[in-house]
Amino acid sequence: MIINIGKKKFKVKTVVSKKDTANGMMNKKFNNEFNGMLFIMDDSEHCFWMKNCIIPLDIIFIEDGKISHIHHNCTPCKTEDCENYCGEGDFILEIKGGTSKKYGFKIGDLVQI
């Protein structure tokens, strides 16, 4: 699946099941097959953590086709008391940390899924 934010395209792996959502990017790296992970959720508040992630991530919350919140450069964590990154949206996109700032993504930007 392809996601567009402005002129930037992301080839994403979609996540729907509770098990896959819980695992997210744990112990995974982006590769030639995907450079983003898209979580398909119900439209409410969701919190993510970075337990056992390999690289920093930007976590982008998308509501009604627009960016509603961005957590920049979320740091990987190895313990059970990892920081939570929360926001509202029906889609949540995880991409390589620093990408949102690099391309100037901001709240209100349109997202085409």
Protein backbone atom coordinates (compact mmCIF):
# COMPACT_ATOMS: atom_id res chain seq x y z
CA MET A 1 0.00 0.00 0.00
CA ILE A 2 1.21 3.53 -0.77
CA ILE A 3 0.68 6.58 1.48
CA ASN A 4 1.22 10.13 0.23
CA ILE A 5 1.96 13.09 2.46
CA GLY A 6 2.52 16.06 0.20
CA LYS A 7 4.94 14.89 -2.49
CA LYS A 8 6.51 12.18 -0.32
CA LYS A 9 5.41 8.58 -0.88
CA PHE A 10 5.72 5.76 1.63
CA LYS A 11 5.41 2.09 0.83
CA VAL A 12 3.76 0.78 3.99
CA LYS A 13 3.11 -2.52 5.67
CA THR A 14 -0.43 -2.48 7.11
CA VAL A 15 -1.24 -3.65 10.60
CA VAL A 16 -4.78 -4.54 11.69
CA SER A 17 -4.76 -7.36 14.24
CA LYS A 18 -4.26 -6.69 17.95
CA LYS A 19 -1.24 -9.02 18.05
CA ASP A 20 0.47 -7.29 15.12
CA THR A 21 -0.39 -3.88 16.58
CA ALA A 22 1.19 -4.87 19.90
CA ASN A 23 4.35 -6.05 18.11
CA GLY A 24 4.54 -3.08 15.70
CA MET A 25 8.16 -2.32 14.76
CA MET A 26 9.64 -4.39 17.60
CA ASN A 27 12.87 -5.99 16.38
CA LYS A 28 12.15 -4.89 12.77
CA LYS A 29 13.97 -2.67 10.29
CA PHE A 30 12.61 -0.89 7.26
CA ASN A 31 13.86 -2.36 3.97
CA ASN A 32 13.26 -2.21 0.21
CA GLU A 33 9.78 -3.69 0.68
CA PHE A 34 8.48 -1.03 3.09
CA ASN A 35 9.56 2.27 4.63
CA GLY A 36 6.54 2.78 6.87
CA MET A 37 4.12 0.85 9.03
CA LEU A 38 0.44 1.84 8.94
CA PHE A 39 -1.78 0.87 11.85
CA ILE A 40 -5.49 0.74 11.00
CA MET A 41 -7.37 1.58 14.19
CA ASP A 42 -10.73 2.80 15.46
CA ASP A 43 -11.03 6.58 15.71
CA SER A 44 -10.06 7.22 19.32
CA GLU A 45 -6.97 7.87 21.45
CA HIS A 46 -4.14 5.38 21.07
CA CYS A 47 -0.78 5.12 22.79
CA PHE A 48 2.37 3.56 21.38
CA TRP A 49 5.70 2.73 22.96
CA MET A 50 9.12 1.94 21.56
CA LYS A 51 9.91 -1.27 23.45
CA ASN A 52 12.47 -3.39 21.56
CA CYS A 53 12.45 -1.11 18.52
CA ILE A 54 15.74 -0.94 16.64
CA ILE A 55 15.67 2.64 15.34
CA PRO A 56 14.02 5.92 16.42
CA LEU A 57 10.63 6.47 14.79
CA ASP A 58 8.30 9.34 13.99
CA ILE A 59 4.77 8.39 15.03
CA ILE A 60 2.14 10.24 12.99
CA PHE A 61 -1.52 10.19 14.03
CA ILE A 62 -3.99 10.64 11.16
CA GLU A 63 -7.62 11.60 11.66
CA ASP A 64 -10.11 12.30 8.85
CA GLY A 65 -7.33 12.20 6.24
CA LYS A 66 -5.14 14.80 7.97
CA ILE A 67 -2.20 14.68 10.37
CA SER A 68 -3.57 15.28 13.87
CA HIS A 69 -0.34 14.83 15.86
CA ILE A 70 3.33 13.97 15.32
CA HIS A 71 5.76 12.54 17.85
CA HIS A 72 9.26 13.16 16.46
CA ASN A 73 12.26 10.86 16.88
CA CYS A 74 10.75 8.53 19.48
CA THR A 75 13.64 6.74 21.14
CA PRO A 76 13.87 2.93 21.36
CA CYS A 77 13.47 1.45 24.83
CA LYS A 78 14.48 -1.89 26.35
CA THR A 79 12.54 -1.85 29.64
CA GLU A 80 8.89 -2.24 30.64
CA ASP A 81 8.61 1.41 31.72
CA CYS A 82 8.98 2.90 28.23
CA GLU A 83 7.51 6.31 27.47
CA ASN A 84 4.07 6.31 25.82
CA TYR A 85 3.34 8.39 22.73
CA CYS A 86 -0.38 9.13 22.50
CA GLY A 87 -2.73 10.82 20.07
CA GLU A 88 -6.06 10.48 18.31
CA GLY A 89 -6.64 9.03 14.89
CA ASP A 90 -8.00 6.18 12.85
CA PHE A 91 -4.62 5.60 11.21
CA ILE A 92 -1.17 5.78 12.76
CA LEU A 93 1.93 5.87 10.58
CA GLU A 94 5.39 4.96 11.86
CA ILE A 95 8.32 6.09 9.75
CA LYS A 96 12.06 6.51 10.28
CA GLY A 97 12.82 9.08 12.98
CA GLY A 98 13.55 12.55 11.62
CA THR A 99 11.61 12.06 8.37
CA SER A 100 8.71 14.33 9.41
CA LYS A 101 11.02 17.26 10.11
CA LYS A 102 13.12 16.54 7.01
CA TYR A 103 10.05 16.90 4.76
CA GLY A 104 8.29 19.57 6.85
CA PHE A 105 5.22 17.51 7.77
CA LYS A 106 2.87 19.37 10.10
CA ILE A 107 -0.52 19.06 11.78
CA GLY A 108 -3.27 19.52 9.20
CA ASP A 109 -1.30 18.15 6.24
CA LEU A 110 -3.41 15.95 3.97
CA VAL A 111 -2.63 12.24 3.89
CA GLN A 112 -3.72 10.09 0.95
CA ILE A 113 -4.08 6.42 1.75
